[in-house]
PDB file of N, CA and C in Angstrom:
ATOM      1  N   MET A   1       1.003  -1.517  -0.041  1.00  0.00           N
ATOM      2  CA  MET A   1      -0.232   0.114   0.222  1.00  0.00           C
ATOM      3  C   MET A   1       0.831   1.351   0.015  1.00  0.00           C
ATOM      4  N   LYS A   2       0.485   2.314  -0.340  1.00  0.00           N
ATOM      5  CA  LYS A   2       1.124   3.881  -0.556  1.00  0.00           C
ATOM      6  C   LYS A   2       1.019   4.437   0.612  1.00  0.00           C
ATOM      7  N   PRO A   3       2.136   4.745   1.099  1.00  0.00           N
ATOM      8  CA  PRO A   3       2.160   5.610   2.590  1.00  0.00           C
ATOM      9  C   PRO A   3       0.631   6.694   2.961  1.00  0.00           C
ATOM     10  N   PHE A   4      -0.538   7.206   1.835  1.00  0.00           N
ATOM     11  CA  PHE A   4      -1.189   7.842   1.760  1.00  0.00           C
ATOM     12  C   PHE A   4      -2.672   6.699   2.104  1.00  0.00           C
ATOM     13  N   GLN A   5      -2.494   5.385   2.073  1.00  0.00           N
ATOM     14  CA  GLN A   5      -3.495   4.745   1.967  1.00  0.00           C
ATOM     15  C   GLN A   5      -2.714   3.818   3.403  1.00  0.00           C
ATOM     16  N   ILE A   6      -2.010   3.811   4.404  1.00  0.00           N
ATOM     17  CA  ILE A   6      -1.739   3.013   5.201  1.00  0.00           C
ATOM     18  C   ILE A   6      -2.275   4.236   5.871  1.00  0.00           C
ATOM     19  N   GLU A   7      -2.447   5.010   6.147  1.00  0.00           N
ATOM     20  CA  GLU A   7      -2.406   6.654   6.543  1.00  0.00           C
ATOM     21  C   GLU A   7      -3.545   6.804   6.948  1.00  0.00           C
ATOM     22  N   ASN A   8      -4.694   6.629   5.832  1.00  0.00           N
ATOM     23  CA  ASN A   8      -5.682   6.844   6.028  1.00  0.00           C
ATOM     24  C   ASN A   8      -6.906   5.003   7.089  1.00  0.00           C
ATOM     25  N   VAL A   9      -6.235   4.143   6.814  1.00  0.00           N
ATOM     26  CA  VAL A   9      -6.370   2.449   7.545  1.00  0.00           C
ATOM     27  C   VAL A   9      -6.166   3.350   8.664  1.00  0.00           C
ATOM     28  N   VAL A  10      -5.210   3.669   8.949  1.00  0.00           N
ATOM     29  CA  VAL A  10      -4.647   3.961  10.392  1.00  0.00           C
ATOM     30  C   VAL A  10      -5.821   5.234  11.135  1.00  0.00           C
ATOM     31  N   ASN A  11      -5.950   5.833  10.026  1.00  0.00           N
ATOM     32  CA  ASN A  11      -7.378   6.982  10.948  1.00  0.00           C
ATOM     33  C   ASN A  11      -8.216   6.318  11.222  1.00  0.00           C
ATOM     34  N   ASN A  12      -8.712   5.535   9.934  1.00  0.00           N
ATOM     35  CA  ASN A  12      -9.987   4.943  10.028  1.00  0.00           C
ATOM     36  C   ASN A  12     -10.184   3.676  11.700  1.00  0.00           C
ATOM     37  N   ILE A  13      -8.983   3.160  12.104  1.00  0.00           N
ATOM     38  CA  ILE A  13      -9.136   2.142  12.960  1.00  0.00           C
ATOM     39  C   ILE A  13      -8.733   2.748  13.887  1.00  0.00           C
ATOM     40  N   LYS A  14      -8.230   3.886  13.882  1.00  0.00           N
ATOM     41  CA  LYS A  14      -7.516   3.920  15.457  1.00  0.00           C
ATOM     42  C   LYS A  14      -8.532   4.171  16.484  1.00  0.00           C
ATOM     43  N   ASN A  15      -9.886   4.033  16.488  1.00  0.00           N
ATOM     44  CA  ASN A  15     -11.252   4.256  17.701  1.00  0.00           C
ATOM     45  C   ASN A  15     -10.495   2.680  18.044  1.00  0.00           C
ATOM     46  N   GLU A  16     -10.985   2.153  16.731  1.00  0.00           N
ATOM     47  CA  GLU A  16     -11.158   0.845  17.196  1.00  0.00           C
ATOM     48  C   GLU A  16     -10.346  -0.193  18.004  1.00  0.00           C
ATOM     49  N   PHE A  17      -9.005   0.253  17.502  1.00  0.00           N
ATOM     50  CA  PHE A  17      -7.873  -0.651  17.664  1.00  0.00           C
ATOM     51  C   PHE A  17      -7.845  -1.083  19.228  1.00  0.00           C
ATOM     52  N   PRO A  18      -8.098  -0.040  20.722  1.00  0.00           N
ATOM     53  CA  PRO A  18      -8.055  -0.640  21.373  1.00  0.00           C
ATOM     54  C   PRO A  18      -8.987  -1.747  21.884  1.00  0.00           C
ATOM     55  N   TYR A  19     -10.142  -2.188  21.274  1.00  0.00           N
ATOM     56  CA  TYR A  19     -10.583  -3.451  21.161  1.00  0.00           C
ATOM     57  C   TYR A  19     -10.896  -4.506  21.035  1.00  0.00           C
ATOM     58  N   TYR A  20      -9.512  -4.388  19.738  1.00  0.00           N
ATOM     59  CA  TYR A  20      -9.128  -5.814  19.108  1.00  0.00           C
ATOM     60  C   TYR A  20      -8.588  -6.593  20.114  1.00  0.00           C
ATOM     61  N   SER A  21      -8.281  -7.740  19.672  1.00  0.00           N
ATOM     62  CA  SER A  21      -7.467  -8.666  20.551  1.00  0.00           C
ATOM     63  C   SER A  21      -5.870  -8.758  20.414  1.00  0.00           C
ATOM     64  N   ILE A  22      -5.119  -9.228  21.113  1.00  0.00           N
ATOM     65  CA  ILE A  22      -3.866  -9.272  20.679  1.00  0.00           C
ATOM     66  C   ILE A  22      -3.432  -9.451  19.418  1.00  0.00           C
ATOM     67  N   HIS A  23      -3.946 -11.033  19.357  1.00  0.00           N
ATOM     68  CA  HIS A  23      -3.833 -11.538  17.956  1.00  0.00           C
ATOM     69  C   HIS A  23      -4.236 -10.341  17.045  1.00  0.00           C
ATOM     70  N   VAL A  24      -5.296  -9.993  17.229  1.00  0.00           N
ATOM     71  CA  VAL A  24      -5.286  -8.728  15.607  1.00  0.00           C
ATOM     72  C   VAL A  24      -4.228  -7.690  15.936  1.00  0.00           C
ATOM     73  N   LYS A  25      -4.044  -7.371  16.906  1.00  0.00           N
ATOM     74  CA  LYS A  25      -3.506  -6.293  17.212  1.00  0.00           C
ATOM     75  C   LYS A  25      -1.809  -6.696  16.133  1.00  0.00           C
ATOM     76  N   LEU A  26      -1.421  -7.926  17.072  1.00  0.00           N
ATOM     77  CA  LEU A  26       0.010  -8.272  15.875  1.00  0.00           C
ATOM     78  C   LEU A  26       0.212  -8.183  15.060  1.00  0.00           C
ATOM     79  N   ILE A  27      -1.241  -8.959  14.486  1.00  0.00           N
ATOM     80  CA  ILE A  27      -0.910  -9.327  13.307  1.00  0.00           C
ATOM     81  C   ILE A  27      -1.517  -7.753  11.816  1.00  0.00           C
ATOM     82  N   ILE A  28      -2.228  -6.782  12.407  1.00  0.00           N
ATOM     83  CA  ILE A  28      -1.642  -5.430  11.702  1.00  0.00           C
ATOM     84  C   ILE A  28      -0.385  -4.765  11.438  1.00  0.00           C
ATOM     85  N   PRO A  29      -0.116  -4.912  11.673  1.00  0.00           N
ATOM     86  CA  PRO A  29       1.163  -4.634  11.431  1.00  0.00           C
ATOM     87  C   PRO A  29       1.621  -5.471   9.730  1.00  0.00           C
ATOM     88  N   LYS A  30       1.741  -7.073   9.648  1.00  0.00           N
ATOM     89  CA  LYS A  30       1.906  -7.395   8.346  1.00  0.00           C
ATOM     90  C   LYS A  30       0.524  -7.392   7.512  1.00  0.00           C
ATOM     91  N   LEU A  31      -0.545  -6.931   8.352  1.00  0.00           N
ATOM     92  CA  LEU A  31      -1.762  -6.663   6.953  1.00  0.00           C
ATOM     93  C   LEU A  31      -1.175  -5.443   6.128  1.00  0.00           C
ATOM     94  N   LEU A  32      -0.869  -4.194   7.166  1.00  0.00           N
ATOM     95  CA  LEU A  32      -0.206  -3.181   5.957  1.00  0.00           C
ATOM     96  C   LEU A  32       0.983  -3.657   5.650  1.00  0.00           C
ATOM     97  N   ALA A  33       1.330  -4.366   5.850  1.00  0.00           N
ATOM     98  CA  ALA A  33       3.031  -4.442   4.947  1.00  0.00           C
ATOM     99  C   ALA A  33       2.819  -5.077   3.592  1.00  0.00           C
ATOM    100  N   ASN A  34       1.476  -5.747   3.826  1.00  0.00           N
ATOM    101  CA  ASN A  34       1.075  -7.069   2.564  1.00  0.00           C
ATOM    102  C   ASN A  34       0.256  -6.684   2.016  1.00  0.00           C
ATOM    103  N   ALA A  35      -0.676  -5.937   2.282  1.00  0.00           N
ATOM    104  CA  ALA A  35      -2.195  -5.597   1.610  1.00  0.00           C
ATOM    105  C   ALA A  35      -1.641  -4.471  -0.023  1.00  0.00           C
ATOM    106  N   ARG A  36      -2.145  -5.005  -0.776  1.00  0.00           N
ATOM    107  CA  ARG A  36      -2.206  -4.172  -2.221  1.00  0.00           C
ATOM    108  C   ARG A  36      -2.438  -2.938  -1.627  1.00  0.00           C
ATOM    109  N   ASN A  37      -3.856  -3.242  -1.375  1.00  0.00           N
ATOM    110  CA  ASN A  37      -4.846  -1.415  -1.502  1.00  0.00           C
ATOM    111  C   ASN A  37      -6.031  -1.715   0.370  1.00  0.00           C
ATOM    112  N   GLU A  38      -6.371  -0.481   0.692  1.00  0.00           N
ATOM    113  CA  GLU A  38      -7.481  -0.993   1.266  1.00  0.00           C
ATOM    114  C   GLU A  38      -8.403  -1.856   1.653  1.00  0.00           C
ATOM    115  N   ARG A  39      -8.535  -2.105   0.262  1.00  0.00           N
ATOM    116  CA  ARG A  39      -9.916  -3.101   0.187  1.00  0.00           C
ATOM    117  C   ARG A  39      -9.107  -4.862   0.913  1.00  0.00           C
ATOM    118  N   ASP A  40      -7.506  -4.672   0.298  1.00  0.00           N
ATOM    119  CA  ASP A  40      -7.163  -5.774   1.153  1.00  0.00           C
ATOM    120  C   ASP A  40      -7.224  -6.148   1.996  1.00  0.00           C
ATOM    121  N   PHE A  41      -6.557  -4.918   2.880  1.00  0.00           N
ATOM    122  CA  PHE A  41      -6.711  -4.544   4.013  1.00  0.00           C
ATOM    123  C   PHE A  41      -7.833  -5.111   4.992  1.00  0.00           C
ATOM    124  N   TYR A  42      -8.777  -4.415   5.043  1.00  0.00           N
ATOM    125  CA  TYR A  42     -10.090  -4.856   5.396  1.00  0.00           C
ATOM    126  C   TYR A  42     -11.038  -5.684   5.079  1.00  0.00           C
ATOM    127  N   ILE A  43     -10.452  -6.574   4.378  1.00  0.00           N
ATOM    128  CA  ILE A  43     -11.185  -7.784   4.425  1.00  0.00           C
ATOM    129  C   ILE A  43     -10.476  -8.677   4.909  1.00  0.00           C
ATOM    130  N   LEU A  44      -9.410  -8.683   5.104  1.00  0.00           N
ATOM    131  CA  LEU A  44      -7.877  -9.301   5.732  1.00  0.00           C
ATOM    132  C   LEU A  44      -8.185  -8.915   7.538  1.00  0.00           C
ATOM    133  N   LEU A  45      -7.987  -7.862   7.940  1.00  0.00           N
ATOM    134  CA  LEU A  45      -8.562  -8.076   9.666  1.00  0.00           C
ATOM    135  C   LEU A  45     -10.136  -8.516   9.081  1.00  0.00           C
ATOM    136  N   GLU A  46     -10.973  -7.684   8.969  1.00  0.00           N
ATOM    137  CA  GLU A  46     -12.403  -9.257   9.068  1.00  0.00           C
ATOM    138  C   GLU A  46     -11.689 -10.276   9.860  1.00  0.00           C
ATOM    139  N   LEU A  47     -11.379 -10.992   8.601  1.00  0.00           N
ATOM    140  CA  LEU A  47     -10.811 -12.397   8.884  1.00  0.00           C
ATOM    141  C   LEU A  47     -10.023 -12.172  10.116  1.00  0.00           C
ATOM    142  N   ALA A  48      -9.350 -11.486   9.875  1.00  0.00           N
ATOM    143  CA  ALA A  48      -8.604 -12.066  11.508  1.00  0.00           C
ATOM    144  C   ALA A  48      -8.411 -11.704  12.785  1.00  0.00           C
ATOM    145  N   LYS A  49      -9.872 -11.648  12.568  1.00  0.00           N
ATOM    146  CA  LYS A  49     -10.939 -11.427  14.084  1.00  0.00           C
ATOM    147  C   LYS A  49     -11.387 -13.139  14.390  1.00  0.00           C
ATOM    148  N   PHE A  50     -10.985 -13.864  13.190  1.00  0.00           N
ATOM    149  CA  PHE A  50     -11.075 -15.386  13.832  1.00  0.00           C
ATOM    150  C   PHE A  50     -10.513 -15.612  14.212  1.00  0.00           C
ATOM    151  N   ASN A  51     -10.147 -17.025  15.079  1.00  0.00           N
ATOM    152  CA  ASN A  51      -9.244 -18.080  15.425  1.00  0.00           C
ATOM    153  C   ASN A  51      -9.317 -18.583  13.539  1.00  0.00           C
ATOM    154  N   SER A  52     -10.320 -19.388  13.392  1.00  0.00           N
ATOM    155  CA  SER A  52     -10.569 -19.791  12.577  1.00  0.00           C
ATOM    156  C   SER A  52      -9.610 -19.959  11.204  1.00  0.00           C
ATOM    157  N   THR A  53      -9.566 -18.350  10.951  1.00  0.00           N
ATOM    158  CA  THR A  53      -9.200 -17.821   9.563  1.00  0.00           C
ATOM    159  C   THR A  53      -8.264 -16.761   9.694  1.00  0.00           C
ATOM    160  N   ARG A  54      -7.971 -16.629  11.251  1.00  0.00           N
ATOM    161  CA  ARG A  54      -6.290 -16.372  11.612  1.00  0.00           C
ATOM    162  C   ARG A  54      -5.091 -16.503  10.315  1.00  0.00           C
ATOM    163  N   ASN A  55      -5.243 -18.129  10.786  1.00  0.00           N
ATOM    164  CA  ASN A  55      -3.961 -19.176   9.937  1.00  0.00           C
ATOM    165  C   ASN A  55      -4.220 -18.707   8.101  1.00  0.00           C
ATOM    166  N   LEU A  56      -5.466 -19.257   7.440  1.00  0.00           N
ATOM    167  CA  LEU A  56      -5.085 -18.628   6.424  1.00  0.00           C
ATOM    168  C   LEU A  56      -4.299 -17.540   5.787  1.00  0.00           C
ATOM    169  N   ILE A  57      -4.630 -16.258   6.845  1.00  0.00           N
ATOM    170  CA  ILE A  57      -4.212 -14.777   6.101  1.00  0.00           C
ATOM    171  C   ILE A  57      -2.591 -14.961   5.672  1.00  0.00           C
ATOM    172  N   ASN A  58      -1.964 -15.912   6.453  1.00  0.00           N
ATOM    173  CA  ASN A  58      -0.378 -16.210   5.987  1.00  0.00           C
ATOM    174  C   ASN A  58      -0.545 -17.031   4.285  1.00  0.00           C
ATOM    175  N   LYS A  59      -1.527 -17.754   3.781  1.00  0.00           N
ATOM    176  CA  LYS A  59      -1.677 -18.737   2.805  1.00  0.00           C
ATOM    177  C   LYS A  59      -2.077 -16.979   2.037  1.00  0.00           C
ATOM    178  N   ILE A  60      -3.323 -16.503   2.059  1.00  0.00           N
ATOM    179  CA  ILE A  60      -3.398 -16.098   1.176  1.00  0.00           C
ATOM    180  C   ILE A  60      -2.475 -14.461   1.128  1.00  0.00           C
ATOM    181  N   LEU A  61      -1.418 -14.128   2.121  1.00  0.00           N
ATOM    182  CA  LEU A  61      -0.558 -12.605   2.023  1.00  0.00           C
ATOM    183  C   LEU A  61       0.176 -13.252   0.966  1.00  0.00           C
ATOM    184  N   LYS A  62       0.392 -12.617   0.061  1.00  0.00           N
ATOM    185  CA  LYS A  62       1.835 -12.539  -0.603  1.00  0.00           C
ATOM    186  C   LYS A  62       1.987 -11.771  -1.547  1.00  0.00           C
ATOM    187  N   LYS A  63       3.274 -10.785  -2.294  1.00  0.00           N
ATOM    188  CA  LYS A  63       2.974 -10.250  -2.385  1.00  0.00           C
ATOM    189  C   LYS A  63       2.975 -10.062  -3.986  1.00  0.00           C
ATOM    190  N   ASP A  64       2.359  -8.716  -4.574  1.00  0.00           N
ATOM    191  CA  ASP A  64       1.690  -8.825  -5.838  1.00  0.00           C
ATOM    192  C   ASP A  64       0.566  -9.954  -6.185  1.00  0.00           C
ATOM    193  N   THR A  65      -0.015 -10.325  -4.782  1.00  0.00           N
ATOM    194  CA  THR A  65      -1.110 -11.382  -5.868  1.00  0.00           C
ATOM    195  C   THR A  65      -2.974 -10.528  -5.455  1.00  0.00           C
ATOM    196  N   ASP A  66      -3.669 -11.087  -5.907  1.00  0.00           N
ATOM    197  CA  ASP A  66      -4.795 -10.397  -5.211  1.00  0.00           C
ATOM    198  C   ASP A  66      -5.655 -11.380  -4.365  1.00  0.00           C
ATOM    199  N   VAL A  67      -6.030 -10.646  -3.710  1.00  0.00           N
ATOM    200  CA  VAL A  67      -6.737 -11.165  -2.487  1.00  0.00           C
ATOM    201  C   VAL A  67      -8.056 -11.986  -2.354  1.00  0.00           C
ATOM    202  N   ILE A  68      -8.619 -11.128  -3.354  1.00  0.00           N
ATOM    203  CA  ILE A  68      -9.992 -11.945  -3.821  1.00  0.00           C
ATOM    204  C   ILE A  68      -9.678 -13.250  -4.805  1.00  0.00           C
ATOM    205  N   LYS A  69      -8.813 -13.037  -5.473  1.00  0.00           N
ATOM    206  CA  LYS A  69      -8.655 -14.230  -6.511  1.00  0.00           C
ATOM    207  C   LYS A  69      -7.939 -15.493  -5.268  1.00  0.00           C
ATOM    208  N   ASN A  70      -7.538 -15.296  -4.175  1.00  0.00           N
ATOM    209  CA  ASN A  70      -6.968 -16.456  -3.414  1.00  0.00           C
ATOM    210  C   ASN A  70      -7.710 -16.703  -2.474  1.00  0.00           C
ATOM    211  N   LEU A  71      -9.123 -16.056  -2.030  1.00  0.00           N
ATOM    212  CA  LEU A  71     -10.302 -16.252  -1.018  1.00  0.00           C
ATOM    213  C   LEU A  71     -10.878 -17.099  -2.052  1.00  0.00           C
ATOM    214  N   GLN A  72     -11.169 -16.627  -3.567  1.00  0.00           N
ATOM    215  CA  GLN A  72     -11.935 -17.706  -4.365  1.00  0.00           C
ATOM    216  C   GLN A  72     -11.351 -19.210  -4.107  1.00  0.00           C
ATOM    217  N   ASN A  73     -10.171 -18.759  -4.688  1.00  0.00           N
ATOM    218  CA  ASN A  73      -9.467 -19.501  -4.280  1.00  0.00           C
ATOM    219  C   ASN A  73      -9.629 -21.656  -3.354  1.00  0.00           C
ATOM    220  N   ILE A  74      -9.703 -20.465  -2.115  1.00  0.00           N
ATOM    221  CA  ILE A  74     -10.005 -20.959  -1.203  1.00  0.00           C
ATOM    222  C   ILE A  74     -11.063 -21.435  -0.522  1.00  0.00           C
ATOM    223  N   ILE A  75     -11.721 -20.956  -0.907  1.00  0.00           N
ATOM    224  CA  ILE A  75     -13.520 -21.267  -0.838  1.00  0.00           C
ATOM    225  C   ILE A  75     -13.511 -22.648  -2.224  1.00  0.00           C
ATOM    226  N   LYS A  76     -13.492 -22.419  -3.210  1.00  0.00           N
ATOM    227  CA  LYS A  76     -13.942 -23.418  -4.115  1.00  0.00           C
ATOM    228  C   LYS A  76     -12.733 -24.646  -3.877  1.00  0.00           C
ATOM    229  N   LYS A  77     -11.769 -25.268  -2.775  1.00  0.00           N
ATOM    230  CA  LYS A  77     -10.787 -26.158  -1.650  1.00  0.00           C
ATOM    231  C   LYS A  77     -11.242 -26.761  -1.335  1.00  0.00           C
ATOM    232  N   ARG A  78     -12.051 -25.392   0.330  1.00  0.00           N
ATOM    233  CA  ARG A  78     -12.552 -26.279   1.350  1.00  0.00           C
ATOM    234  C   ARG A  78     -14.332 -26.288   1.134  1.00  0.00           C
ATOM    235  N   SER A  79     -14.756 -26.757   2.450  1.00  0.00           N
ATOM    236  CA  SER A  79     -16.211 -27.527   1.952  1.00  0.00           C
ATOM    237  C   SER A  79     -16.620 -26.192   3.900  1.00  0.00           C
ATOM    238  N   ASN A  80     -15.626 -25.795   4.714  1.00  0.00           N
ATOM    239  CA  ASN A  80     -16.348 -25.693   5.964  1.00  0.00           C
ATOM    240  C   ASN A  80     -17.281 -24.170   5.828  1.00  0.00           C
ATOM    241  N   LYS A  81     -18.488 -24.805   5.565  1.00  0.00           N
ATOM    242  CA  LYS A  81     -19.671 -23.580   5.818  1.00  0.00           C
ATOM    243  C   LYS A  81     -19.281 -22.157   6.622  1.00  0.00           C
ATOM    244  N   THR A  82     -18.617 -22.407   7.785  1.00  0.00           N
ATOM    245  CA  THR A  82     -18.819 -21.415   8.175  1.00  0.00           C
ATOM    246  C   THR A  82     -17.149 -20.251   7.987  1.00  0.00           C
ATOM    247  N   LEU A  83     -16.279 -20.751   7.065  1.00  0.00           N
ATOM    248  CA  LEU A  83     -15.492 -19.767   6.829  1.00  0.00           C
ATOM    249  C   LEU A  83     -16.141 -19.287   5.532  1.00  0.00           C
ATOM    250  N   ILE A  84     -16.928 -20.348   4.366  1.00  0.00           N
ATOM    251  CA  ILE A  84     -17.002 -19.732   3.405  1.00  0.00           C
ATOM    252  C   ILE A  84     -18.168 -18.465   3.489  1.00  0.00           C
ATOM    253  N   LYS A  85     -18.598 -19.036   4.881  1.00  0.00           N
ATOM    254  CA  LYS A  85     -19.384 -17.835   5.186  1.00  0.00           C
ATOM    255  C   LYS A  85     -18.758 -16.608   5.573  1.00  0.00           C
ATOM    256  N   ARG A  86     -18.151 -16.482   6.459  1.00  0.00           N
ATOM    257  CA  ARG A  86     -16.935 -15.061   6.927  1.00  0.00           C
ATOM    258  C   ARG A  86     -16.460 -14.032   5.910  1.00  0.00           C
ATOM    259  N   ILE A  87     -15.644 -15.173   4.681  1.00  0.00           N
ATOM    260  CA  ILE A  87     -14.991 -14.495   4.007  1.00  0.00           C
ATOM    261  C   ILE A  87     -16.059 -14.030   2.804  1.00  0.00           C
ATOM    262  N   TYR A  88     -17.194 -14.568   2.670  1.00  0.00           N
ATOM    263  CA  TYR A  88     -18.152 -13.504   1.872  1.00  0.00           C
ATOM    264  C   TYR A  88     -18.772 -12.635   2.238  1.00  0.00           C
ATOM    265  N   PHE A  89     -18.647 -12.824   3.935  1.00  0.00           N
ATOM    266  CA  PHE A  89     -19.306 -11.304   4.715  1.00  0.00           C
ATOM    267  C   PHE A  89     -18.546 -10.488   4.948  1.00  0.00           C
ATOM    268  N   ALA A  90     -16.956 -10.988   5.601  1.00  0.00           N
ATOM    269  CA  ALA A  90     -16.085  -9.751   4.498  1.00  0.00           C
ATOM    270  C   ALA A  90     -16.017  -8.536   3.805  1.00  0.00           C
ATOM    271  N   ILE A  91     -16.300  -9.631   2.835  1.00  0.00           N
ATOM    272  CA  ILE A  91     -16.526  -9.258   0.986  1.00  0.00           C
ATOM    273  C   ILE A  91     -17.860  -8.370   1.227  1.00  0.00           C
ATOM    274  N   LYS A  92     -18.539  -8.830   1.492  1.00  0.00           N
ATOM    275  CA  LYS A  92     -20.055  -7.840   1.387  1.00  0.00           C
ATOM    276  C   LYS A  92     -20.190  -6.499   3.019  1.00  0.00           C
ATOM    277  N   LYS A  93     -19.978  -7.535   3.834  1.00  0.00           N
ATOM    278  CA  LYS A  93     -19.699  -6.097   4.629  1.00  0.00           C
ATOM    279  C   LYS A  93     -18.585  -4.671   3.975  1.00  0.00           C
ATOM    280  N   LEU A  94     -17.465  -5.209   3.503  1.00  0.00           N
ATOM    281  CA  LEU A  94     -17.104  -4.244   2.016  1.00  0.00           C
ATOM    282  C   LEU A  94     -17.390  -3.609   1.653  1.00  0.00           C
ATOM    283  N   LYS A  95     -18.104  -4.051   0.589  1.00  0.00           N
ATOM    284  CA  LYS A  95     -18.450  -3.641  -0.641  1.00  0.00           C
ATOM    285  C   LYS A  95     -19.731  -2.631  -0.301  1.00  0.00           C
ATOM    286  N   SER A  96     -20.510  -2.754   1.116  1.00  0.00           N
ATOM    287  CA  SER A  96     -21.082  -1.820   1.229  1.00  0.00           C
ATOM    288  C   SER A  96     -20.992  -0.486   1.723  1.00  0.00           C
ATOM    289  N   ASN A  97     -19.677  -0.654   2.480  1.00  0.00           N
ATOM    290  CA  ASN A  97     -19.114   0.319   2.726  1.00  0.00           C
ATOM    291  C   ASN A  97     -19.444   0.956   4.204  1.00  0.00           C
ATOM    292  N   LYS A  98     -19.361  -0.009   4.855  1.00  0.00           N
ATOM    293  CA  LYS A  98     -19.596  -0.217   6.660  1.00  0.00           C
ATOM    294  C   LYS A  98     -17.929  -0.587   6.722  1.00  0.00           C
ATOM    295  N   THR A  99     -18.411   0.345   8.024  1.00  0.00           N
ATOM    296  CA  THR A  99     -16.929   0.022   8.390  1.00  0.00           C
ATOM    297  C   THR A  99     -17.089  -0.783   9.146  1.00  0.00           C
ATOM    298  N   ILE A 100     -15.976  -1.668   9.176  1.00  0.00           N
ATOM    299  CA  ILE A 100     -15.919  -3.032   9.803  1.00  0.00           C
ATOM    300  C   ILE A 100     -14.995  -2.668  10.971  1.00  0.00           C
ATOM    301  N   ASN A 101     -16.243  -3.756  11.779  1.00  0.00           N
ATOM    302  CA  ASN A 101     -15.223  -3.728  13.747  1.00  0.00           C
ATOM    303  C   ASN A 101     -15.117  -4.897  14.009  1.00  0.00           C
TER     304      ASN A 101
END
């Protein structure tokens, strides 16, 4: 992400930051460093809030890859309905321009 995008993200999440679990707080710098844009960051942040999906972030995060495409590949390979619902919810929430809590 570009510096101005990182600044926008930080300003957007600074009020919610104290309420995140320690695991989410620790992964935020990695998300900022590896996400290609704000949309990807917010989707990954939403997924990082759950233990079951936090481990998938390492598979999704690769330099110069499309997060949405990687999520779709994971959905095709997995049959876990809860995981699929969380991924779709994160994408839907972002598209509806709601703040991701």
